[in-house]
Amino acid sequence: MAKFLTLNTHSWMEEEPEQKLADLVQQIVREDYDVICLQEVNQEINSSPAEEVAGYVVAQPLLAIHDDHFAHVLVGELQQAGLQYYWSWAYNHIGYDRYHEGVAILSKEPLKAKELLVSDIDDPKDYRRRQVLLAETVVDGQAIQVASVHLSWWNKGFQAEWGRLEAELKASFLPLVLMGDFNNPAGQEGYEHILASPLQLQDSHLAAKEVQGEFTMGGHIDGWEAKTPPLRIDFTFLSPSWQVERSAVIFDGVAGPIVSDHFGLEVLAYPGH
């Protein structure tokens, strides 16, 4: 069985960021996930480039990995705890005028990674620039295609972004796992658009034999109106061949401490062929 985790980390923008990183490390060490997808993975624009970057697989040649790169720091902490991950990162845009922001994938097995520009915009200074990180790796002896996804809202570019991602994934013959912050709540247009895709994806929370939790966003967060109710906008979508055993919201203050302005999603599934 394969174990997956996705989390929009909101990295280095939370109060007590070191404690929240430690909580994330503790959870990963305890559960020993096969593949982890992270979004809003940041490094300071003006921080120093790292001299050594353990386990890193280059998907984007544009930027060097810095000492404070969240995924780099996380992988280092996990290594100290005895867990080895290979990882990659795709750069999306400048966030809050101070960060290089992107999406990451961590895998216990070696991976082959590439970035895919899905937005109409290709200017890193524009927050609407969106890239998906794609990686081929192996879980349970099965080669799979993973995507770490952070897409736009339905009326702000989602349809074009999804169309480009869908076209790319149609060419893959591997079982698919798409994880991330889709910015389109369950039951609304963007979500239904994904489920209607010829990729025939299943939502882990609908397919799982055991489900824990519901919402992945507890209320007001950046990019959403102040009075937004709790929503489910972080998902794991899988090819139909996957048998999903468990889909659980974590880091929600009930199943684990809150570590971000999003909750995490943990999925256990048997890979399809």
Protein backbone atom coordinates (compact mmCIF):
# COMPACT_ATOMS: atom_id res chain seq x y z
CA MET A 1 0.00 0.00 0.00
CA ALA A 2 1.18 3.53 -0.80
CA LYS A 3 0.94 6.45 1.62
CA PHE A 4 0.52 9.99 0.34
CA LEU A 5 0.44 13.43 1.95
CA THR A 6 -0.43 16.81 0.48
CA LEU A 7 -0.18 20.17 2.27
CA ASN A 8 -0.19 23.82 1.28
CA THR A 9 2.57 24.80 3.71
CA HIS A 10 2.21 28.62 3.62
CA SER A 11 5.87 28.30 4.48
CA TRP A 12 7.74 30.89 6.55
CA MET A 13 4.56 33.03 6.72
CA GLU A 14 3.03 31.35 9.77
CA GLU A 15 3.53 32.34 13.39
CA GLU A 16 6.06 30.06 15.11
CA PRO A 17 7.30 28.63 11.80
CA GLU A 18 10.04 26.53 13.39
CA GLN A 19 7.55 24.75 15.65
CA LYS A 20 5.22 24.10 12.73
CA LEU A 21 8.10 22.70 10.70
CA ALA A 22 8.97 20.43 13.63
CA ASP A 23 5.33 19.25 13.82
CA LEU A 24 5.39 18.45 10.10
CA VAL A 25 8.66 16.54 10.45
CA GLN A 26 7.26 14.54 13.36
CA GLN A 27 4.18 13.54 11.35
CA ILE A 28 6.24 12.46 8.33
CA VAL A 29 8.64 10.45 10.48
CA ARG A 30 5.73 8.73 12.23
CA GLU A 31 3.79 7.88 9.05
CA ASP A 32 6.72 7.35 6.64
CA TYR A 33 4.90 8.61 3.53
CA ASP A 34 5.94 7.31 0.13
CA VAL A 35 5.17 10.55 -1.72
CA ILE A 36 4.52 14.07 -0.41
CA CYS A 37 3.23 17.02 -2.43
CA LEU A 38 3.69 20.52 -1.02
CA GLN A 39 2.47 23.92 -2.20
CA GLU A 40 3.51 27.48 -1.30
CA VAL A 41 7.03 26.17 -0.83
CA ASN A 42 9.10 29.32 -0.37
CA GLN A 43 12.59 30.70 -0.12
CA GLU A 44 13.59 34.31 0.52
CA ILE A 45 14.59 36.11 -2.67
CA ASN A 46 17.61 37.61 -0.92
CA SER A 47 18.80 34.57 1.05
CA SER A 48 22.01 32.76 0.19
CA PRO A 49 22.20 29.86 -2.28
CA ALA A 50 22.76 26.50 -0.61
CA GLU A 51 26.18 24.91 -1.10
CA GLU A 52 24.83 21.35 -1.02
CA VAL A 53 21.25 20.23 -1.71
CA ALA A 54 20.72 16.59 -0.70
CA GLY A 55 18.39 14.49 -2.83
CA TYR A 56 17.44 17.34 -5.17
CA VAL A 57 16.35 16.56 -8.74
CA VAL A 58 16.34 19.63 -10.98
CA ALA A 59 13.05 20.34 -12.76
CA GLN A 60 13.59 24.06 -13.26
CA PRO A 61 17.00 25.51 -14.16
CA LEU A 62 15.91 29.11 -13.51
CA LEU A 63 16.70 29.42 -9.81
CA ALA A 64 19.24 28.07 -7.35
CA ILE A 65 17.96 26.45 -4.17
CA HIS A 66 18.67 28.71 -1.18
CA ASP A 67 19.66 27.81 2.38
CA ASP A 68 16.18 28.68 3.65
CA HIS A 69 14.22 26.88 0.91
CA PHE A 70 11.41 25.19 2.85
CA ALA A 71 11.62 21.81 1.11
CA HIS A 72 15.43 21.80 1.38
CA VAL A 73 15.21 22.49 5.12
CA LEU A 74 12.45 19.88 5.54
CA VAL A 75 14.41 17.18 3.69
CA GLY A 76 17.46 17.99 5.82
CA GLU A 77 15.46 17.61 9.04
CA LEU A 78 14.00 14.33 7.80
CA GLN A 79 17.48 13.09 6.91
CA GLN A 80 18.63 13.81 10.46
CA ALA A 81 15.66 11.77 11.68
CA GLY A 82 16.70 8.84 9.47
CA LEU A 83 14.40 9.33 6.46
CA GLN A 84 15.83 9.80 2.97
CA TYR A 85 13.72 11.61 0.37
CA TYR A 86 14.42 12.56 -3.22
CA TRP A 87 12.72 15.81 -4.13
CA SER A 88 12.10 18.43 -6.76
CA TRP A 89 10.57 21.91 -6.99
CA ALA A 90 8.91 24.04 -9.65
CA TYR A 91 8.99 27.84 -9.35
CA ASN A 92 5.67 29.62 -9.77
CA HIS A 93 6.11 33.30 -9.00
CA ILE A 94 7.31 35.93 -6.56
CA GLY A 95 5.12 35.87 -3.46
CA TYR A 96 4.50 38.84 -1.19
CA ASP A 97 7.41 40.71 -2.83
CA ARG A 98 9.91 38.65 -0.83
CA TYR A 99 9.66 34.95 -1.71
CA HIS A 100 10.32 32.64 -4.61
CA GLU A 101 7.16 30.53 -4.32
CA GLY A 102 6.60 27.12 -5.87
CA VAL A 103 5.42 23.53 -5.54
CA ALA A 104 7.42 20.48 -4.46
CA ILE A 105 7.33 16.69 -4.55
CA LEU A 106 9.19 14.43 -2.11
CA SER A 107 9.53 10.71 -2.86
CA LYS A 108 11.12 7.80 -1.02
CA GLU A 109 12.16 6.34 -4.38
CA PRO A 110 14.17 8.18 -7.08
CA LEU A 111 12.09 10.40 -9.30
CA LYS A 112 12.21 11.97 -12.75
CA ALA A 113 10.74 15.47 -12.59
CA LYS A 114 9.69 18.23 -14.93
CA GLU A 115 7.75 21.46 -14.66
CA LEU A 116 4.71 22.31 -16.76
CA LEU A 117 3.61 25.90 -17.33
CA VAL A 118 -0.19 25.82 -17.19
CA SER A 119 -1.10 29.53 -16.92
CA ASP A 120 -1.44 31.94 -19.83
CA ILE A 121 1.08 34.14 -18.01
CA ASP A 122 4.80 33.37 -17.95
CA ASP A 123 6.13 36.31 -15.92
CA PRO A 124 7.39 35.26 -12.46
CA LYS A 125 6.66 38.77 -11.18
CA ASP A 126 2.95 38.10 -11.83
CA TYR A 127 1.24 36.08 -9.09
CA ARG A 128 -1.00 34.47 -11.72
CA ARG A 129 1.90 32.46 -13.16
CA ARG A 130 1.24 28.82 -12.36
CA GLN A 131 3.35 25.74 -12.93
CA VAL A 132 2.60 22.14 -12.05
CA LEU A 133 5.43 19.88 -10.94
CA LEU A 134 5.26 16.43 -12.54
CA ALA A 135 7.26 13.44 -11.37
CA GLU A 136 7.54 9.80 -12.31
CA THR A 137 8.44 7.61 -9.36
CA VAL A 138 7.68 4.18 -7.89
CA VAL A 139 5.42 3.08 -5.02
CA ASP A 140 4.80 -0.54 -4.03
CA GLY A 141 6.84 -1.63 -7.05
CA GLN A 142 4.53 0.26 -9.43
CA ALA A 143 5.68 3.19 -11.58
CA ILE A 144 3.30 6.15 -11.17
CA GLN A 145 2.89 9.73 -12.39
CA VAL A 146 2.52 12.34 -9.64
CA ALA A 147 1.52 16.00 -9.95
CA SER A 148 1.89 18.68 -7.28
CA VAL A 149 -0.78 21.20 -8.12
CA HIS A 150 -1.60 24.78 -7.09
CA LEU A 151 -4.14 26.17 -9.54
CA SER A 152 -6.18 29.36 -9.88
CA TRP A 153 -9.78 30.09 -9.00
CA TRP A 154 -12.55 29.06 -11.42
CA ASN A 155 -13.07 32.56 -12.83
CA LYS A 156 -9.38 33.54 -12.79
CA GLY A 157 -7.73 31.09 -15.14
CA PHE A 158 -8.53 27.62 -13.83
CA GLN A 159 -10.14 26.25 -17.00
CA ALA A 160 -7.15 27.05 -19.23
CA GLU A 161 -4.72 25.74 -16.59
CA TRP A 162 -6.62 22.50 -16.16
CA GLY A 163 -6.84 22.06 -19.92
CA ARG A 164 -3.06 22.20 -20.27
CA LEU A 165 -2.51 19.83 -17.37
CA GLU A 166 -5.14 17.42 -18.65
CA ALA A 167 -3.57 17.38 -22.12
CA GLU A 168 -0.17 16.55 -20.61
CA LEU A 169 -1.54 13.76 -18.43
CA LYS A 170 -3.54 12.19 -21.25
CA ALA A 171 -0.19 11.20 -22.77
CA SER A 172 0.85 9.27 -19.65
CA PHE A 173 0.28 5.53 -19.48
CA LEU A 174 1.04 5.42 -15.75
CA PRO A 175 -1.44 5.48 -12.86
CA LEU A 176 -2.01 9.11 -11.90
CA VAL A 177 -1.95 10.84 -8.51
CA LEU A 178 -2.73 14.57 -8.49
CA MET A 179 -2.35 16.28 -5.13
CA GLY A 180 -2.56 19.86 -4.01
CA ASP A 181 -4.47 23.09 -3.58
CA PHE A 182 -6.93 23.33 -6.46
CA ASN A 183 -8.61 26.57 -5.24
CA ASN A 184 -11.95 25.12 -6.37
CA PRO A 185 -14.24 23.89 -3.59
CA ALA A 186 -15.85 20.45 -3.62
CA GLY A 187 -19.19 20.54 -5.40
CA GLN A 188 -18.53 23.73 -7.35
CA GLU A 189 -17.81 24.26 -11.07
CA GLY A 190 -14.06 23.66 -11.08
CA TYR A 191 -14.33 20.51 -8.99
CA GLU A 192 -17.08 19.11 -11.23
CA HIS A 193 -14.94 20.02 -14.26
CA ILE A 194 -12.14 17.82 -12.88
CA LEU A 195 -14.45 14.89 -12.20
CA ALA A 196 -15.87 15.17 -15.73
CA SER A 197 -12.37 14.93 -17.25
CA PRO A 198 -11.59 12.09 -19.66
CA LEU A 199 -8.84 11.20 -17.17
CA GLN A 200 -11.67 9.65 -15.12
CA LEU A 201 -10.16 10.74 -11.83
CA GLN A 202 -11.57 9.73 -8.48
CA ASP A 203 -11.64 12.02 -5.45
CA SER A 204 -9.95 10.17 -2.58
CA HIS A 205 -12.52 11.47 -0.11
CA LEU A 206 -15.37 9.96 -2.14
CA ALA A 207 -13.59 6.73 -3.08
CA ALA A 208 -12.02 5.78 0.25
CA LYS A 209 -13.37 3.00 2.44
CA GLU A 210 -12.50 5.13 5.48
CA VAL A 211 -12.84 8.93 5.53
CA GLN A 212 -11.75 11.31 8.28
CA GLY A 213 -12.53 15.02 8.36
CA GLU A 214 -14.10 17.20 5.71
CA PHE A 215 -12.77 20.73 5.28
CA THR A 216 -9.18 21.60 4.36
CA MET A 217 -9.56 25.36 4.84
CA GLY A 218 -10.98 26.55 8.12
CA GLY A 219 -12.09 30.03 7.11
CA HIS A 220 -10.38 33.23 5.93
CA ILE A 221 -7.07 32.72 4.16
CA ASP A 222 -5.13 34.71 1.58
CA GLY A 223 -6.95 34.89 -1.74
CA TRP A 224 -10.40 34.23 -0.26
CA GLU A 225 -12.96 36.69 1.11
CA ALA A 226 -12.97 37.35 4.85
CA LYS A 227 -16.34 35.64 5.44
CA THR A 228 -15.56 32.50 3.47
CA PRO A 229 -17.00 29.40 5.23
CA PRO A 230 -14.88 26.28 5.74
CA LEU A 231 -14.24 24.60 2.39
CA ARG A 232 -12.61 21.50 0.91
CA ILE A 233 -10.16 22.85 -1.70
CA ASP A 234 -7.18 20.51 -1.20
CA PHE A 235 -7.56 17.16 -2.92
CA THR A 236 -5.98 13.92 -3.98
CA PHE A 237 -7.32 12.77 -7.34
CA LEU A 238 -6.34 9.31 -8.58
CA SER A 239 -6.78 7.17 -11.68
CA PRO A 240 -9.67 4.68 -11.52
CA SER A 241 -7.29 1.74 -11.07
CA TRP A 242 -6.32 2.86 -7.56
CA GLN A 243 -8.06 1.22 -4.62
CA VAL A 244 -8.35 3.92 -1.97
CA GLU A 245 -8.39 2.63 1.60
CA ARG A 246 -8.25 5.82 3.63
CA SER A 247 -8.55 9.57 3.05
CA ALA A 248 -7.99 11.71 6.13
CA VAL A 249 -7.77 15.43 6.85
CA ILE A 250 -4.88 16.06 9.22
CA PHE A 251 -3.15 19.10 10.74
CA ASP A 252 -6.62 20.51 11.51
CA GLY A 253 -6.25 20.92 15.27
CA VAL A 254 -8.04 17.59 15.83
CA ALA A 255 -5.93 15.08 13.90
CA GLY A 256 -2.63 16.79 14.60
CA PRO A 257 -1.67 20.41 15.29
CA ILE A 258 -2.40 23.21 12.83
CA VAL A 259 0.77 23.91 10.83
CA SER A 260 -0.55 26.14 8.02
CA ASP A 261 -3.57 28.14 6.90
CA HIS A 262 -4.58 24.93 5.09
CA PHE A 263 -5.07 21.51 6.61
CA GLY A 264 -3.27 18.48 5.22
CA LEU A 265 -4.70 15.44 3.44
CA GLU A 266 -3.35 11.92 3.96
CA VAL A 267 -4.30 9.10 1.57
CA LEU A 268 -3.59 5.37 1.69
CA ALA A 269 -4.18 3.44 -1.53
CA TYR A 270 -3.19 0.34 -3.45
CA PRO A 271 -1.68 1.22 -6.83
CA GLY A 272 -3.41 0.23 -10.02
CA HIS A 273 -1.74 -1.18 -13.10
